[in-house]
Amino acid sequence: MRTVKEPGSAHGGLSDWYWQRLSAVVLAVLLPLPFFLLVSVYSGGVDQQGLLDLLDHVLSRVLHSVLILALIIHAYIGLKVILEDYVHVLGWRIPLIGTMLVMMSGFGIWWLALIWAWA
């Protein structure tokens, strides 16, 4: 019987599955809110000052922060599993996952800085 050289993505499958589903539920709840806000702005229901008042509220910023964090977690886990399953050369897989993590973390930090900058 052969020994397994590398366990692949099976070593963290339940954790990845759990976080992927949890972030999907958060995205399903929070993602429609910005679209409803855009529709109300374009239909004339909310003017520019009303939009700024809504976006300036602390609850709006917290919900926006939760939304972007859930989006980054969901995208990272999904792309990580794809890379683990389809990039068979370990010398390519690890740098790709690391680069993806750094880029998504940088985007998240930048976006959170934008959200909370006008506090």
Protein backbone atom coordinates (compact mmCIF):
# COMPACT_ATOMS: atom_id res chain seq x y z
CA MET A 1 0.00 0.00 0.00
CA ARG A 2 1.31 3.46 -0.91
CA THR A 3 1.74 6.22 1.62
CA VAL A 4 0.23 9.59 0.97
CA LYS A 5 2.87 12.22 0.30
CA GLU A 6 0.52 15.13 0.68
CA PRO A 7 -3.03 15.14 2.09
CA GLY A 8 -4.31 17.82 -0.30
CA SER A 9 -7.37 19.76 0.71
CA ALA A 10 -8.85 16.90 2.74
CA HIS A 11 -7.14 17.98 5.95
CA GLY A 12 -9.29 21.11 6.37
CA GLY A 13 -12.39 20.21 4.40
CA LEU A 14 -14.97 20.52 7.16
CA SER A 15 -13.64 23.88 8.31
CA ASP A 16 -13.53 25.19 4.74
CA TRP A 17 -17.05 23.90 4.10
CA TYR A 18 -18.37 25.50 7.31
CA TRP A 19 -16.83 28.94 6.66
CA GLN A 20 -17.88 28.84 3.00
CA ARG A 21 -21.54 28.17 3.96
CA LEU A 22 -21.51 30.71 6.79
CA SER A 23 -20.12 33.43 4.52
CA ALA A 24 -22.66 32.48 1.84
CA VAL A 25 -25.52 33.02 4.29
CA VAL A 26 -24.09 36.39 5.34
CA LEU A 27 -23.69 37.37 1.67
CA ALA A 28 -27.24 36.25 0.86
CA VAL A 29 -28.59 38.46 3.64
CA LEU A 30 -26.40 41.55 3.17
CA LEU A 31 -25.69 41.68 -0.59
CA PRO A 32 -29.19 42.77 -1.66
CA LEU A 33 -29.05 45.85 0.59
CA PRO A 34 -26.63 47.89 -1.60
CA PHE A 35 -28.70 47.02 -4.67
CA PHE A 36 -31.89 48.26 -3.00
CA LEU A 37 -30.04 51.44 -2.08
CA LEU A 38 -28.91 51.91 -5.70
CA VAL A 39 -32.44 51.37 -6.98
CA SER A 40 -33.80 53.92 -4.52
CA VAL A 41 -31.14 56.45 -5.57
CA TYR A 42 -31.76 55.97 -9.29
CA SER A 43 -35.54 56.07 -8.87
CA GLY A 44 -35.29 59.39 -7.03
CA GLY A 45 -36.44 58.07 -3.66
CA VAL A 46 -33.20 59.13 -1.96
CA ASP A 47 -31.26 62.26 -2.86
CA GLN A 48 -27.51 62.75 -2.49
CA GLN A 49 -27.69 64.13 1.03
CA GLY A 50 -29.98 61.30 2.13
CA LEU A 51 -27.56 58.78 0.66
CA LEU A 52 -24.64 60.36 2.51
CA ASP A 53 -26.67 60.35 5.74
CA LEU A 54 -27.40 56.63 5.29
CA LEU A 55 -23.79 55.76 4.50
CA ASP A 56 -22.49 57.88 7.37
CA HIS A 57 -24.45 55.96 9.99
CA VAL A 58 -22.44 53.58 12.21
CA LEU A 59 -24.80 50.65 11.55
CA SER A 60 -24.29 51.11 7.80
CA ARG A 61 -20.53 51.03 8.23
CA VAL A 62 -20.65 47.92 10.42
CA LEU A 63 -22.91 46.12 7.92
CA HIS A 64 -20.63 47.19 5.07
CA SER A 65 -17.59 45.90 6.98
CA VAL A 66 -19.27 42.55 7.65
CA LEU A 67 -20.26 42.35 3.98
CA ILE A 68 -16.74 42.92 2.66
CA LEU A 69 -15.20 40.51 5.19
CA ALA A 70 -17.72 37.80 4.27
CA LEU A 71 -17.06 38.43 0.58
CA ILE A 72 -13.30 38.10 1.04
CA ILE A 73 -13.62 34.95 3.16
CA HIS A 74 -16.01 33.37 0.66
CA ALA A 75 -13.84 34.21 -2.35
CA TYR A 76 -10.60 33.14 -0.64
CA ILE A 77 -11.91 29.74 0.42
CA GLY A 78 -13.47 29.06 -2.97
CA LEU A 79 -10.37 29.99 -4.94
CA LYS A 80 -8.09 28.18 -2.48
CA VAL A 81 -10.03 24.93 -2.91
CA ILE A 82 -9.93 25.32 -6.70
CA LEU A 83 -6.16 25.85 -6.60
CA GLU A 84 -5.67 22.90 -4.25
CA ASP A 85 -7.73 20.64 -6.51
CA TYR A 86 -6.42 21.67 -9.92
CA VAL A 87 -2.85 22.94 -9.45
CA HIS A 88 -0.94 19.73 -8.90
CA VAL A 89 2.57 21.16 -8.61
CA LEU A 90 3.16 22.14 -4.98
CA GLY A 91 5.80 24.67 -6.06
CA TRP A 92 3.12 26.61 -7.94
CA ARG A 93 0.20 26.06 -5.58
CA ILE A 94 1.71 27.55 -2.43
CA PRO A 95 2.90 30.81 -4.04
CA LEU A 96 -0.44 31.20 -5.85
CA ILE A 97 -2.43 30.76 -2.64
CA GLY A 98 -0.05 33.11 -0.79
CA THR A 99 -0.30 35.76 -3.51
CA MET A 100 -4.07 35.46 -3.50
CA LEU A 101 -4.16 35.83 0.29
CA VAL A 102 -1.94 38.92 0.22
CA MET A 103 -3.95 40.57 -2.57
CA MET A 104 -7.33 39.86 -0.94
CA SER A 105 -6.06 41.05 2.45
CA GLY A 106 -4.73 44.23 0.89
CA PHE A 107 -8.04 44.85 -0.86
CA GLY A 108 -9.95 44.25 2.38
CA ILE A 109 -7.73 46.60 4.39
CA TRP A 110 -8.02 49.28 1.69
CA TRP A 111 -11.80 48.93 1.50
CA LEU A 112 -12.24 49.02 5.28
CA ALA A 113 -10.01 52.10 5.42
CA LEU A 114 -12.30 53.77 2.87
CA ILE A 115 -15.43 52.87 4.81
CA TRP A 116 -14.16 54.08 8.16
CA ALA A 117 -12.06 57.04 6.90
CA TRP A 118 -14.88 59.55 7.00
CA ALA A 119 -15.90 58.71 10.61
